[in-house]
Amino acid sequence: MPFSMDKTVYFPTLDQYQYNRGMVIRANEGDAVYSVTEGRIIDIYDSAETGCTVVQDLGDGYTATYGQLANLTCSEGDVLEAGETLGTVGKVTRYYTVEGTNVYFAMEQDGKPVNPMDYFGDI
């Protein structure tokens, strides 16, 4: 499911249209999830929508948020290089049961959502 802040996207599980501040990337439970670039882990939390979620400070006001994770291999304060493992894909939350198992990935610049495909087109 693509990033979309200029038009709404249909969310099958919720049976409604919403803006999508991130991307929903289809994946298999247990697949490794990797850091997209170098950055410090600044927050780890659980969310009803995105499950186990990790926020990475990429510098220059940019952050990356990875959700629907399990078996984390990082801790708050760790600096990860591009391609370093964050953890694995976890069980899907109730917000994405129809979409299926996935990784939620979002980026922000100075607190505003930006399209990850503009920075990492090969995600």
PDB file of N, CA and C in Angstrom:
ATOM      1  N   MET A   1       0.860  -1.163   0.000  1.00  0.00           N
ATOM      2  CA  MET A   1       0.000   0.000   0.000  1.00  0.00           C
ATOM      3  C   MET A   1       0.911   1.231   0.000  1.00  0.00           C
ATOM      4  N   PRO A   2       0.744   2.121  -0.956  1.00  0.00           N
ATOM      5  CA  PRO A   2       1.675   3.237  -1.105  1.00  0.00           C
ATOM      6  C   PRO A   2       1.449   4.372  -0.104  1.00  0.00           C
ATOM      7  N   PHE A   3       2.499   5.180   0.049  1.00  0.00           N
ATOM      8  CA  PHE A   3       2.408   6.449   0.754  1.00  0.00           C
ATOM      9  C   PHE A   3       1.434   7.330  -0.026  1.00  0.00           C
ATOM     10  N   SER A   4       0.583   8.060   0.668  1.00  0.00           N
ATOM     11  CA  SER A   4      -0.316   8.975  -0.031  1.00  0.00           C
ATOM     12  C   SER A   4      -0.861  10.012   0.941  1.00  0.00           C
ATOM     13  N   MET A   5      -0.351  11.219   0.818  1.00  0.00           N
ATOM     14  CA  MET A   5      -0.872  12.323   1.625  1.00  0.00           C
ATOM     15  C   MET A   5      -1.666  13.313   0.777  1.00  0.00           C
ATOM     16  N   ASP A   6      -1.684  13.111  -0.560  1.00  0.00           N
ATOM     17  CA  ASP A   6      -2.439  14.027  -1.413  1.00  0.00           C
ATOM     18  C   ASP A   6      -3.805  13.474  -1.804  1.00  0.00           C
ATOM     19  N   LYS A   7      -4.001  12.174  -1.620  1.00  0.00           N
ATOM     20  CA  LYS A   7      -5.319  11.570  -1.851  1.00  0.00           C
ATOM     21  C   LYS A   7      -5.466  10.371  -0.922  1.00  0.00           C
ATOM     22  N   THR A   8      -6.694  10.005  -0.640  1.00  0.00           N
ATOM     23  CA  THR A   8      -6.930   8.893   0.275  1.00  0.00           C
ATOM     24  C   THR A   8      -6.700   7.560  -0.425  1.00  0.00           C
ATOM     25  N   VAL A   9      -6.346   6.557   0.392  1.00  0.00           N
ATOM     26  CA  VAL A   9      -6.086   5.195  -0.064  1.00  0.00           C
ATOM     27  C   VAL A   9      -7.072   4.285   0.655  1.00  0.00           C
ATOM     28  N   TYR A  10      -7.574   3.278  -0.030  1.00  0.00           N
ATOM     29  CA  TYR A  10      -8.527   2.350   0.579  1.00  0.00           C
ATOM     30  C   TYR A  10      -7.795   1.348   1.459  1.00  0.00           C
ATOM     31  N   PHE A  11      -8.223   1.233   2.714  1.00  0.00           N
ATOM     32  CA  PHE A  11      -7.705   0.259   3.668  1.00  0.00           C
ATOM     33  C   PHE A  11      -8.743  -0.852   3.797  1.00  0.00           C
ATOM     34  N   PRO A  12      -8.503  -2.026   3.189  1.00  0.00           N
ATOM     35  CA  PRO A  12      -9.504  -3.100   3.194  1.00  0.00           C
ATOM     36  C   PRO A  12      -9.935  -3.547   4.595  1.00  0.00           C
ATOM     37  N   THR A  13      -8.986  -3.712   5.524  1.00  0.00           N
ATOM     38  CA  THR A  13      -9.349  -4.177   6.862  1.00  0.00           C
ATOM     39  C   THR A  13     -10.320  -3.215   7.529  1.00  0.00           C
ATOM     40  N   LEU A  14     -10.058  -1.929   7.398  1.00  0.00           N
ATOM     41  CA  LEU A  14     -10.897  -0.909   8.030  1.00  0.00           C
ATOM     42  C   LEU A  14     -12.118  -0.563   7.186  1.00  0.00           C
ATOM     43  N   ASP A  15     -12.123  -1.016   5.930  1.00  0.00           N
ATOM     44  CA  ASP A  15     -13.194  -0.731   4.976  1.00  0.00           C
ATOM     45  C   ASP A  15     -13.458   0.774   4.892  1.00  0.00           C
ATOM     46  N   GLN A  16     -12.363   1.533   4.750  1.00  0.00           N
ATOM     47  CA  GLN A  16     -12.490   2.978   4.626  1.00  0.00           C
ATOM     48  C   GLN A  16     -11.281   3.563   3.902  1.00  0.00           C
ATOM     49  N   TYR A  17     -11.463   4.771   3.429  1.00  0.00           N
ATOM     50  CA  TYR A  17     -10.383   5.512   2.774  1.00  0.00           C
ATOM     51  C   TYR A  17      -9.728   6.433   3.794  1.00  0.00           C
ATOM     52  N   GLN A  18      -8.386   6.485   3.760  1.00  0.00           N
ATOM     53  CA  GLN A  18      -7.625   7.345   4.657  1.00  0.00           C
ATOM     54  C   GLN A  18      -6.372   7.816   3.929  1.00  0.00           C
ATOM     55  N   TYR A  19      -5.760   8.856   4.458  1.00  0.00           N
ATOM     56  CA  TYR A  19      -4.419   9.212   4.013  1.00  0.00           C
ATOM     57  C   TYR A  19      -3.465   8.188   4.599  1.00  0.00           C
ATOM     58  N   ASN A  20      -2.394   7.887   3.887  1.00  0.00           N
ATOM     59  CA  ASN A  20      -1.420   6.907   4.365  1.00  0.00           C
ATOM     60  C   ASN A  20      -0.082   7.606   4.561  1.00  0.00           C
ATOM     61  N   ARG A  21       0.283   7.822   5.829  1.00  0.00           N
ATOM     62  CA  ARG A  21       1.507   8.539   6.194  1.00  0.00           C
ATOM     63  C   ARG A  21       2.762   7.716   5.952  1.00  0.00           C
ATOM     64  N   GLY A  22       2.591   6.445   5.620  1.00  0.00           N
ATOM     65  CA  GLY A  22       3.734   5.571   5.388  1.00  0.00           C
ATOM     66  C   GLY A  22       3.424   4.601   4.271  1.00  0.00           C
ATOM     67  N   MET A  23       4.186   3.531   4.238  1.00  0.00           N
ATOM     68  CA  MET A  23       3.981   2.476   3.248  1.00  0.00           C
ATOM     69  C   MET A  23       3.700   1.181   3.992  1.00  0.00           C
ATOM     70  N   VAL A  24       2.882   0.339   3.412  1.00  0.00           N
ATOM     71  CA  VAL A  24       2.631  -0.994   3.944  1.00  0.00           C
ATOM     72  C   VAL A  24       3.267  -1.946   2.935  1.00  0.00           C
ATOM     73  N   ILE A  25       4.370  -2.572   3.351  1.00  0.00           N
ATOM     74  CA  ILE A  25       5.168  -3.406   2.456  1.00  0.00           C
ATOM     75  C   ILE A  25       4.904  -4.868   2.776  1.00  0.00           C
ATOM     76  N   ARG A  26       4.355  -5.593   1.830  1.00  0.00           N
ATOM     77  CA  ARG A  26       4.039  -7.009   2.030  1.00  0.00           C
ATOM     78  C   ARG A  26       5.312  -7.775   2.393  1.00  0.00           C
ATOM     79  N   ALA A  27       5.210  -8.651   3.382  1.00  0.00           N
ATOM     80  CA  ALA A  27       6.352  -9.440   3.847  1.00  0.00           C
ATOM     81  C   ALA A  27       5.830 -10.694   4.528  1.00  0.00           C
ATOM     82  N   ASN A  28       6.725 -11.622   4.776  1.00  0.00           N
ATOM     83  CA  ASN A  28       6.371 -12.852   5.482  1.00  0.00           C
ATOM     84  C   ASN A  28       6.807 -12.763   6.937  1.00  0.00           C
ATOM     85  N   GLU A  29       5.977 -13.258   7.827  1.00  0.00           N
ATOM     86  CA  GLU A  29       6.338 -13.288   9.237  1.00  0.00           C
ATOM     87  C   GLU A  29       7.669 -14.007   9.389  1.00  0.00           C
ATOM     88  N   GLY A  30       8.580 -13.396  10.142  1.00  0.00           N
ATOM     89  CA  GLY A  30       9.896 -13.980  10.373  1.00  0.00           C
ATOM     90  C   GLY A  30      10.978 -13.482   9.433  1.00  0.00           C
ATOM     91  N   ASP A  31      10.598 -12.812   8.327  1.00  0.00           N
ATOM     92  CA  ASP A  31      11.602 -12.225   7.430  1.00  0.00           C
ATOM     93  C   ASP A  31      12.399 -11.168   8.188  1.00  0.00           C
ATOM     94  N   ALA A  32      13.682 -11.030   7.849  1.00  0.00           N
ATOM     95  CA  ALA A  32      14.514  -9.994   8.456  1.00  0.00           C
ATOM     96  C   ALA A  32      14.078  -8.620   7.957  1.00  0.00           C
ATOM     97  N   VAL A  33      14.179  -7.623   8.842  1.00  0.00           N
ATOM     98  CA  VAL A  33      13.907  -6.229   8.499  1.00  0.00           C
ATOM     99  C   VAL A  33      15.209  -5.465   8.715  1.00  0.00           C
ATOM    100  N   TYR A  34      15.613  -4.694   7.699  1.00  0.00           N
ATOM    101  CA  TYR A  34      16.910  -4.030   7.705  1.00  0.00           C
ATOM    102  C   TYR A  34      16.772  -2.513   7.759  1.00  0.00           C
ATOM    103  N   SER A  35      17.770  -1.877   8.347  1.00  0.00           N
ATOM    104  CA  SER A  35      17.853  -0.425   8.366  1.00  0.00           C
ATOM    105  C   SER A  35      18.058   0.084   6.942  1.00  0.00           C
ATOM    106  N   VAL A  36      17.306   1.112   6.549  1.00  0.00           N
ATOM    107  CA  VAL A  36      17.429   1.641   5.190  1.00  0.00           C
ATOM    108  C   VAL A  36      18.695   2.471   5.003  1.00  0.00           C
ATOM    109  N   THR A  37      19.213   3.029   6.087  1.00  0.00           N
ATOM    110  CA  THR A  37      20.427   3.837   6.030  1.00  0.00           C
ATOM    111  C   THR A  37      20.976   3.968   7.447  1.00  0.00           C
ATOM    112  N   GLU A  38      22.086   4.656   7.596  1.00  0.00           N
ATOM    113  CA  GLU A  38      22.673   4.835   8.921  1.00  0.00           C
ATOM    114  C   GLU A  38      21.792   5.749   9.764  1.00  0.00           C
ATOM    115  N   GLY A  39      21.673   5.402  11.044  1.00  0.00           N
ATOM    116  CA  GLY A  39      20.921   6.259  11.946  1.00  0.00           C
ATOM    117  C   GLY A  39      20.820   5.672  13.338  1.00  0.00           C
ATOM    118  N   ARG A  40      20.514   6.538  14.297  1.00  0.00           N
ATOM    119  CA  ARG A  40      20.406   6.153  15.712  1.00  0.00           C
ATOM    120  C   ARG A  40      18.962   5.797  16.047  1.00  0.00           C
ATOM    121  N   ILE A  41      18.787   4.707  16.788  1.00  0.00           N
ATOM    122  CA  ILE A  41      17.461   4.309  17.270  1.00  0.00           C
ATOM    123  C   ILE A  41      17.095   5.243  18.419  1.00  0.00           C
ATOM    124  N   ILE A  42      15.992   5.992  18.237  1.00  0.00           N
ATOM    125  CA  ILE A  42      15.609   6.983  19.253  1.00  0.00           C
ATOM    126  C   ILE A  42      14.349   6.606  20.017  1.00  0.00           C
ATOM    127  N   ASP A  43      13.611   5.605  19.537  1.00  0.00           N
ATOM    128  CA  ASP A  43      12.397   5.199  20.248  1.00  0.00           C
ATOM    129  C   ASP A  43      11.994   3.800  19.818  1.00  0.00           C
ATOM    130  N   ILE A  44      11.504   3.039  20.775  1.00  0.00           N
ATOM    131  CA  ILE A  44      10.920   1.715  20.528  1.00  0.00           C
ATOM    132  C   ILE A  44       9.645   1.659  21.360  1.00  0.00           C
ATOM    133  N   TYR A  45       8.527   1.345  20.712  1.00  0.00           N
ATOM    134  CA  TYR A  45       7.253   1.315  21.438  1.00  0.00           C
ATOM    135  C   TYR A  45       6.290   0.342  20.777  1.00  0.00           C
ATOM    136  N   ASP A  46       5.213   0.013  21.487  1.00  0.00           N
ATOM    137  CA  ASP A  46       4.149  -0.822  20.942  1.00  0.00           C
ATOM    138  C   ASP A  46       2.955   0.061  20.613  1.00  0.00           C
ATOM    139  N   SER A  47       2.368  -0.189  19.452  1.00  0.00           N
ATOM    140  CA  SER A  47       1.219   0.574  18.970  1.00  0.00           C
ATOM    141  C   SER A  47       0.124  -0.396  18.563  1.00  0.00           C
ATOM    142  N   ALA A  48      -1.124  -0.047  18.842  1.00  0.00           N
ATOM    143  CA  ALA A  48      -2.240  -0.895  18.406  1.00  0.00           C
ATOM    144  C   ALA A  48      -2.239  -1.041  16.889  1.00  0.00           C
ATOM    145  N   GLU A  49      -1.870   0.023  16.176  1.00  0.00           N
ATOM    146  CA  GLU A  49      -1.895  -0.009  14.713  1.00  0.00           C
ATOM    147  C   GLU A  49      -0.668  -0.682  14.113  1.00  0.00           C
ATOM    148  N   THR A  50       0.532  -0.324  14.574  1.00  0.00           N
ATOM    149  CA  THR A  50       1.756  -0.815  13.933  1.00  0.00           C
ATOM    150  C   THR A  50       2.543  -1.808  14.778  1.00  0.00           C
ATOM    151  N   GLY A  51       1.969  -2.252  15.880  1.00  0.00           N
ATOM    152  CA  GLY A  51       2.639  -3.260  16.703  1.00  0.00           C
ATOM    153  C   GLY A  51       3.954  -2.743  17.260  1.00  0.00           C
ATOM    154  N   CYS A  52       4.937  -3.642  17.361  1.00  0.00           N
ATOM    155  CA  CYS A  52       6.268  -3.261  17.829  1.00  0.00           C
ATOM    156  C   CYS A  52       6.875  -2.326  16.784  1.00  0.00           C
ATOM    157  N   THR A  53       7.214  -1.111  17.222  1.00  0.00           N
ATOM    158  CA  THR A  53       7.615  -0.049  16.301  1.00  0.00           C
ATOM    159  C   THR A  53       8.946   0.553  16.732  1.00  0.00           C
ATOM    160  N   VAL A  54       9.829   0.791  15.752  1.00  0.00           N
ATOM    161  CA  VAL A  54      11.154   1.357  15.988  1.00  0.00           C
ATOM    162  C   VAL A  54      11.268   2.659  15.203  1.00  0.00           C
ATOM    163  N   VAL A  55      11.773   3.713  15.865  1.00  0.00           N
ATOM    164  CA  VAL A  55      12.003   4.997  15.199  1.00  0.00           C
ATOM    165  C   VAL A  55      13.508   5.243  15.154  1.00  0.00           C
ATOM    166  N   GLN A  56      13.993   5.598  13.960  1.00  0.00           N
ATOM    167  CA  GLN A  56      15.416   5.817  13.724  1.00  0.00           C
ATOM    168  C   GLN A  56      15.638   7.262  13.273  1.00  0.00           C
ATOM    169  N   ASP A  57      16.547   7.963  13.955  1.00  0.00           N
ATOM    170  CA  ASP A  57      16.922   9.327  13.568  1.00  0.00           C
ATOM    171  C   ASP A  57      17.965   9.224  12.461  1.00  0.00           C
ATOM    172  N   LEU A  58      17.644   9.761  11.280  1.00  0.00           N
ATOM    173  CA  LEU A  58      18.538   9.679  10.130  1.00  0.00           C
ATOM    174  C   LEU A  58      19.398  10.933   9.972  1.00  0.00           C
ATOM    175  N   GLY A  59      19.178  11.936  10.812  1.00  0.00           N
ATOM    176  CA  GLY A  59      19.917  13.190  10.716  1.00  0.00           C
ATOM    177  C   GLY A  59      19.184  14.202   9.854  1.00  0.00           C
ATOM    178  N   ASP A  60      19.583  15.465   9.959  1.00  0.00           N
ATOM    179  CA  ASP A  60      19.007  16.562   9.177  1.00  0.00           C
ATOM    180  C   ASP A  60      17.487  16.651   9.297  1.00  0.00           C
ATOM    181  N   GLY A  61      16.938  16.275  10.452  1.00  0.00           N
ATOM    182  CA  GLY A  61      15.499  16.365  10.682  1.00  0.00           C
ATOM    183  C   GLY A  61      14.692  15.190  10.171  1.00  0.00           C
ATOM    184  N   TYR A  62      15.356  14.184   9.589  1.00  0.00           N
ATOM    185  CA  TYR A  62      14.660  13.016   9.043  1.00  0.00           C
ATOM    186  C   TYR A  62      14.585  11.884  10.064  1.00  0.00           C
ATOM    187  N   THR A  63      13.436  11.216  10.095  1.00  0.00           N
ATOM    188  CA  THR A  63      13.286   9.989  10.876  1.00  0.00           C
ATOM    189  C   THR A  63      12.659   8.917   9.992  1.00  0.00           C
ATOM    190  N   ALA A  64      12.956   7.673  10.343  1.00  0.00           N
ATOM    191  CA  ALA A  64      12.331   6.515   9.693  1.00  0.00           C
ATOM    192  C   ALA A  64      11.634   5.715  10.777  1.00  0.00           C
ATOM    193  N   THR A  65      10.415   5.274  10.500  1.00  0.00           N
ATOM    194  CA  THR A  65       9.641   4.472  11.440  1.00  0.00           C
ATOM    195  C   THR A  65       9.343   3.129  10.800  1.00  0.00           C
ATOM    196  N   TYR A  66       9.682   2.064  11.522  1.00  0.00           N
ATOM    197  CA  TYR A  66       9.465   0.695  11.067  1.00  0.00           C
ATOM    198  C   TYR A  66       8.474   0.048  12.029  1.00  0.00           C
ATOM    199  N   GLY A  67       7.389  -0.523  11.518  1.00  0.00           N
ATOM    200  CA  GLY A  67       6.388  -1.144  12.378  1.00  0.00           C
ATOM    201  C   GLY A  67       6.065  -2.562  11.971  1.00  0.00           C
ATOM    202  N   GLN A  68       5.310  -3.244  12.813  1.00  0.00           N
ATOM    203  CA  GLN A  68       4.919  -4.656  12.635  1.00  0.00           C
ATOM    204  C   GLN A  68       6.141  -5.562  12.822  1.00  0.00           C
ATOM    205  N   LEU A  69       6.992  -5.233  13.810  1.00  0.00           N
ATOM    206  CA  LEU A  69       8.240  -5.958  14.025  1.00  0.00           C
ATOM    207  C   LEU A  69       8.136  -6.960  15.168  1.00  0.00           C
ATOM    208  N   ALA A  70       9.120  -7.839  15.224  1.00  0.00           N
ATOM    209  CA  ALA A  70       9.275  -8.807  16.316  1.00  0.00           C
ATOM    210  C   ALA A  70      10.766  -9.103  16.446  1.00  0.00           C
ATOM    211  N   ASN A  71      11.134  -9.790  17.501  1.00  0.00           N
ATOM    212  CA  ASN A  71      12.515 -10.268  17.691  1.00  0.00           C
ATOM    213  C   ASN A  71      13.548  -9.179  17.406  1.00  0.00           C
ATOM    214  N   LEU A  72      13.388  -8.025  18.057  1.00  0.00           N
ATOM    215  CA  LEU A  72      14.293  -6.906  17.809  1.00  0.00           C
ATOM    216  C   LEU A  72      15.736  -7.270  18.133  1.00  0.00           C
ATOM    217  N   THR A  73      16.640  -6.785  17.292  1.00  0.00           N
ATOM    218  CA  THR A  73      18.071  -6.977  17.511  1.00  0.00           C
ATOM    219  C   THR A  73      18.740  -5.639  17.808  1.00  0.00           C
ATOM    220  N   CYS A  74      17.936  -4.597  17.994  1.00  0.00           N
ATOM    221  CA  CYS A  74      18.459  -3.267  18.295  1.00  0.00           C
ATOM    222  C   CYS A  74      17.812  -2.758  19.579  1.00  0.00           C
ATOM    223  N   SER A  75      18.467  -1.762  20.157  1.00  0.00           N
ATOM    224  CA  SER A  75      17.969  -1.119  21.371  1.00  0.00           C
ATOM    225  C   SER A  75      18.024   0.389  21.180  1.00  0.00           C
ATOM    226  N   GLU A  76      17.252   1.096  21.982  1.00  0.00           N
ATOM    227  CA  GLU A  76      17.281   2.547  21.933  1.00  0.00           C
ATOM    228  C   GLU A  76      18.713   3.020  22.165  1.00  0.00           C
ATOM    229  N   GLY A  77      19.182   3.946  21.336  1.00  0.00           N
ATOM    230  CA  GLY A  77      20.540   4.469  21.435  1.00  0.00           C
ATOM    231  C   GLY A  77      21.520   3.828  20.469  1.00  0.00           C
ATOM    232  N   ASP A  78      21.193   2.642  19.950  1.00  0.00           N
ATOM    233  CA  ASP A  78      22.073   1.977  18.980  1.00  0.00           C
ATOM    234  C   ASP A  78      22.160   2.790  17.697  1.00  0.00           C
ATOM    235  N   VAL A  79      23.340   2.795  17.088  1.00  0.00           N
ATOM    236  CA  VAL A  79      23.519   3.379  15.759  1.00  0.00           C
ATOM    237  C   VAL A  79      23.653   2.219  14.785  1.00  0.00           C
ATOM    238  N   LEU A  80      22.740   2.159  13.828  1.00  0.00           N
ATOM    239  CA  LEU A  80      22.744   1.082  12.843  1.00  0.00           C
ATOM    240  C   LEU A  80      23.239   1.607  11.507  1.00  0.00           C
ATOM    241  N   GLU A  81      23.977   0.771  10.807  1.00  0.00           N
ATOM    242  CA  GLU A  81      24.419   1.074   9.452  1.00  0.00           C
ATOM    243  C   GLU A  81      23.336   0.631   8.472  1.00  0.00           C
ATOM    244  N   ALA A  82      23.393   1.125   7.253  1.00  0.00           N
ATOM    245  CA  ALA A  82      22.475   0.675   6.205  1.00  0.00           C
ATOM    246  C   ALA A  82      22.618  -0.831   6.038  1.00  0.00           C
ATOM    247  N   GLY A  83      21.494  -1.531   5.998  1.00  0.00           N
ATOM    248  CA  GLY A  83      21.497  -2.976   5.806  1.00  0.00           C
ATOM    249  C   GLY A  83      21.636  -3.793   7.074  1.00  0.00           C
ATOM    250  N   GLU A  84      21.832  -3.133   8.209  1.00  0.00           N
ATOM    251  CA  GLU A  84      21.939  -3.850   9.479  1.00  0.00           C
ATOM    252  C   GLU A  84      20.540  -4.265   9.943  1.00  0.00           C
ATOM    253  N   THR A  85      20.430  -5.437  10.548  1.00  0.00           N
ATOM    254  CA  THR A  85      19.134  -5.988  10.943  1.00  0.00           C
ATOM    255  C   THR A  85      18.562  -5.260  12.156  1.00  0.00           C
ATOM    256  N   LEU A  86      17.274  -4.893  12.049  1.00  0.00           N
ATOM    257  CA  LEU A  86      16.519  -4.299  13.162  1.00  0.00           C
ATOM    258  C   LEU A  86      15.804  -5.376  13.965  1.00  0.00           C
ATOM    259  N   GLY A  87      15.330  -6.403  13.257  1.00  0.00           N
ATOM    260  CA  GLY A  87      14.527  -7.469  13.845  1.00  0.00           C
ATOM    261  C   GLY A  87      13.883  -8.257  12.724  1.00  0.00           C
ATOM    262  N   THR A  88      12.726  -8.832  13.016  1.00  0.00           N
ATOM    263  CA  THR A  88      12.006  -9.605  12.006  1.00  0.00           C
ATOM    264  C   THR A  88      10.578  -9.079  11.867  1.00  0.00           C
ATOM    265  N   VAL A  89       9.921  -9.515  10.810  1.00  0.00           N
ATOM    266  CA  VAL A  89       8.516  -9.173  10.597  1.00  0.00           C
ATOM    267  C   VAL A  89       7.686  -9.930  11.628  1.00  0.00           C
ATOM    268  N   GLY A  90       6.825  -9.222  12.327  1.00  0.00           N
ATOM    269  CA  GLY A  90       5.991  -9.829  13.353  1.00  0.00           C
ATOM    270  C   GLY A  90       4.598 -10.168  12.853  1.00  0.00           C
ATOM    271  N   LYS A  91       3.767 -10.584  13.780  1.00  0.00           N
ATOM    272  CA  LYS A  91       2.364 -10.877  13.452  1.00  0.00           C
ATOM    273  C   LYS A  91       1.654  -9.571  13.097  1.00  0.00           C
ATOM    274  N   VAL A  92       0.751  -9.661  12.154  1.00  0.00           N
ATOM    275  CA  VAL A  92       0.004  -8.491  11.713  1.00  0.00           C
ATOM    276  C   VAL A  92      -0.951  -8.038  12.825  1.00  0.00           C
ATOM    277  N   THR A  93      -1.106  -6.717  12.966  1.00  0.00           N
ATOM    278  CA  THR A  93      -2.062  -6.195  13.943  1.00  0.00           C
ATOM    279  C   THR A  93      -3.468  -6.236  13.354  1.00  0.00           C
ATOM    280  N   ARG A  94      -4.454  -6.007  14.193  1.00  0.00           N
ATOM    281  CA  ARG A  94      -5.852  -6.066  13.747  1.00  0.00           C
ATOM    282  C   ARG A  94      -6.179  -4.988  12.717  1.00  0.00           C
ATOM    283  N   TYR A  95      -5.328  -3.996  12.570  1.00  0.00           N
ATOM    284  CA  TYR A  95      -5.552  -2.931  11.589  1.00  0.00           C
ATOM    285  C   TYR A  95      -5.211  -3.360  10.163  1.00  0.00           C
ATOM    286  N   TYR A  96      -4.508  -4.492  10.018  1.00  0.00           N
ATOM    287  CA  TYR A  96      -4.044  -4.922   8.696  1.00  0.00           C
ATOM    288  C   TYR A  96      -4.317  -6.401   8.417  1.00  0.00           C
ATOM    289  N   THR A  97      -5.345  -6.976   9.014  1.00  0.00           N
ATOM    290  CA  THR A  97      -5.582  -8.416   8.837  1.00  0.00           C
ATOM    291  C   THR A  97      -5.911  -8.790   7.401  1.00  0.00           C
ATOM    292  N   VAL A  98      -6.650  -7.967   6.683  1.00  0.00           N
ATOM    293  CA  VAL A  98      -6.976  -8.265   5.283  1.00  0.00           C
ATOM    294  C   VAL A  98      -5.756  -8.042   4.391  1.00  0.00           C
ATOM    295  N   GLU A  99      -4.994  -6.988   4.654  1.00  0.00           N
ATOM    296  CA  GLU A  99      -3.799  -6.700   3.859  1.00  0.00           C
ATOM    297  C   GLU A  99      -2.742  -7.791   4.029  1.00  0.00           C
ATOM    298  N   GLY A 100      -2.720  -8.417   5.184  1.00  0.00           N
ATOM    299  CA  GLY A 100      -1.769  -9.498   5.443  1.00  0.00           C
ATOM    300  C   GLY A 100      -0.501  -9.010   6.125  1.00  0.00           C
ATOM    301  N   THR A 101       0.377  -9.950   6.394  1.00  0.00           N
ATOM    302  CA  THR A 101       1.619  -9.666   7.101  1.00  0.00           C
ATOM    303  C   THR A 101       2.432  -8.645   6.314  1.00  0.00           C
ATOM    304  N   ASN A 102       2.975  -7.659   7.036  1.00  0.00           N
ATOM    305  CA  ASN A 102       3.671  -6.570   6.364  1.00  0.00           C
ATOM    306  C   ASN A 102       4.648  -5.877   7.291  1.00  0.00           C
ATOM    307  N   VAL A 103       5.450  -5.019   6.686  1.00  0.00           N
ATOM    308  CA  VAL A 103       6.267  -4.063   7.427  1.00  0.00           C
ATOM    309  C   VAL A 103       5.672  -2.689   7.148  1.00  0.00           C
ATOM    310  N   TYR A 104       5.409  -1.942   8.197  1.00  0.00           N
ATOM    311  CA  TYR A 104       4.983  -0.554   8.050  1.00  0.00           C
ATOM    312  C   TYR A 104       6.254   0.288   8.020  1.00  0.00           C
ATOM    313  N   PHE A 105       6.397   1.149   7.030  1.00  0.00           N
ATOM    314  CA  PHE A 105       7.583   2.001   6.925  1.00  0.00           C
ATOM    315  C   PHE A 105       7.147   3.423   6.601  1.00  0.00           C
ATOM    316  N   ALA A 106       7.604   4.369   7.408  1.00  0.00           N
ATOM    317  CA  ALA A 106       7.255   5.775   7.196  1.00  0.00           C
ATOM    318  C   ALA A 106       8.480   6.641   7.430  1.00  0.00           C
ATOM    319  N   MET A 107       8.498   7.779   6.764  1.00  0.00           N
ATOM    320  CA  MET A 107       9.555   8.767   6.977  1.00  0.00           C
ATOM    321  C   MET A 107       8.932  10.125   7.234  1.00  0.00           C
ATOM    322  N   GLU A 108       9.633  10.908   8.043  1.00  0.00           N
ATOM    323  CA  GLU A 108       9.231  12.289   8.293  1.00  0.00           C
ATOM    324  C   GLU A 108      10.454  13.186   8.187  1.00  0.00           C
ATOM    325  N   GLN A 109      10.224  14.424   7.775  1.00  0.00           N
ATOM    326  CA  GLN A 109      11.240  15.464   7.841  1.00  0.00           C
ATOM    327  C   GLN A 109      10.666  16.580   8.685  1.00  0.00           C
ATOM    328  N   ASP A 110      11.339  16.873   9.782  1.00  0.00           N
ATOM    329  CA  ASP A 110      10.880  17.897  10.724  1.00  0.00           C
ATOM    330  C   ASP A 110       9.433  17.667  11.146  1.00  0.00           C
ATOM    331  N   GLY A 111       9.073  16.388  11.360  1.00  0.00           N
ATOM    332  CA  GLY A 111       7.751  16.028  11.855  1.00  0.00           C
ATOM    333  C   GLY A 111       6.664  15.948  10.808  1.00  0.00           C
ATOM    334  N   LYS A 112       7.006  16.180   9.541  1.00  0.00           N
ATOM    335  CA  LYS A 112       6.008  16.116   8.466  1.00  0.00           C
ATOM    336  C   LYS A 112       6.272  14.891   7.596  1.00  0.00           C
ATOM    337  N   PRO A 113       5.219  14.137   7.238  1.00  0.00           N
ATOM    338  CA  PRO A 113       5.406  12.935   6.427  1.00  0.00           C
ATOM    339  C   PRO A 113       6.008  13.256   5.056  1.00  0.00           C
ATOM    340  N   VAL A 114       6.959  12.421   4.641  1.00  0.00           N
ATOM    341  CA  VAL A 114       7.532  12.505   3.295  1.00  0.00           C
ATOM    342  C   VAL A 114       7.438  11.126   2.656  1.00  0.00           C
ATOM    343  N   ASN A 115       7.426  11.096   1.342  1.00  0.00           N
ATOM    344  CA  ASN A 115       7.308   9.837   0.613  1.00  0.00           C
ATOM    345  C   ASN A 115       8.644   9.096   0.617  1.00  0.00           C
ATOM    346  N   PRO A 116       8.727   7.923   1.261  1.00  0.00           N
ATOM    347  CA  PRO A 116       9.984   7.165   1.287  1.00  0.00           C
ATOM    348  C   PRO A 116      10.515   6.837  -0.104  1.00  0.00           C
ATOM    349  N   MET A 117       9.634   6.683  -1.074  1.00  0.00           N
ATOM    350  CA  MET A 117      10.070   6.337  -2.428  1.00  0.00           C
ATOM    351  C   MET A 117      10.895   7.458  -3.062  1.00  0.00           C
ATOM    352  N   ASP A 118      10.746   8.691  -2.577  1.00  0.00           N
ATOM    353  CA  ASP A 118      11.563   9.791  -3.080  1.00  0.00           C
ATOM    354  C   ASP A 118      13.015   9.661  -2.624  1.00  0.00           C
ATOM    355  N   TYR A 119      13.262   8.862  -1.585  1.00  0.00           N
ATOM    356  CA  TYR A 119      14.595   8.705  -1.014  1.00  0.00           C
ATOM    357  C   TYR A 119      15.150   7.303  -1.227  1.00  0.00           C
ATOM    358  N   PHE A 120      14.273   6.319  -1.178  1.00  0.00           N
ATOM    359  CA  PHE A 120      14.673   4.916  -1.285  1.00  0.00           C
ATOM    360  C   PHE A 120      13.759   4.226  -2.281  1.00  0.00           C
ATOM    361  N   GLY A 121      13.884   4.525  -3.533  1.00  0.00           N
ATOM    362  CA  GLY A 121      12.981   4.019  -4.561  1.00  0.00           C
ATOM    363  C   GLY A 121      12.980   2.523  -4.735  1.00  0.00           C
ATOM    364  N   ASP A 122      13.986   1.841  -4.186  1.00  0.00           N
ATOM    365  CA  ASP A 122      14.065   0.388  -4.359  1.00  0.00           C
ATOM    366  C   ASP A 122      13.590  -0.383  -3.144  1.00  0.00           C
ATOM    367  N   ILE A 123      12.822   0.248  -2.273  1.00  0.00           N
ATOM    368  CA  ILE A 123      12.299  -0.438  -1.076  1.00  0.00           C
ATOM    369  C   ILE A 123      11.371  -1.546  -1.520  1.00  0.00           C
TER     370      ILE A 123
END
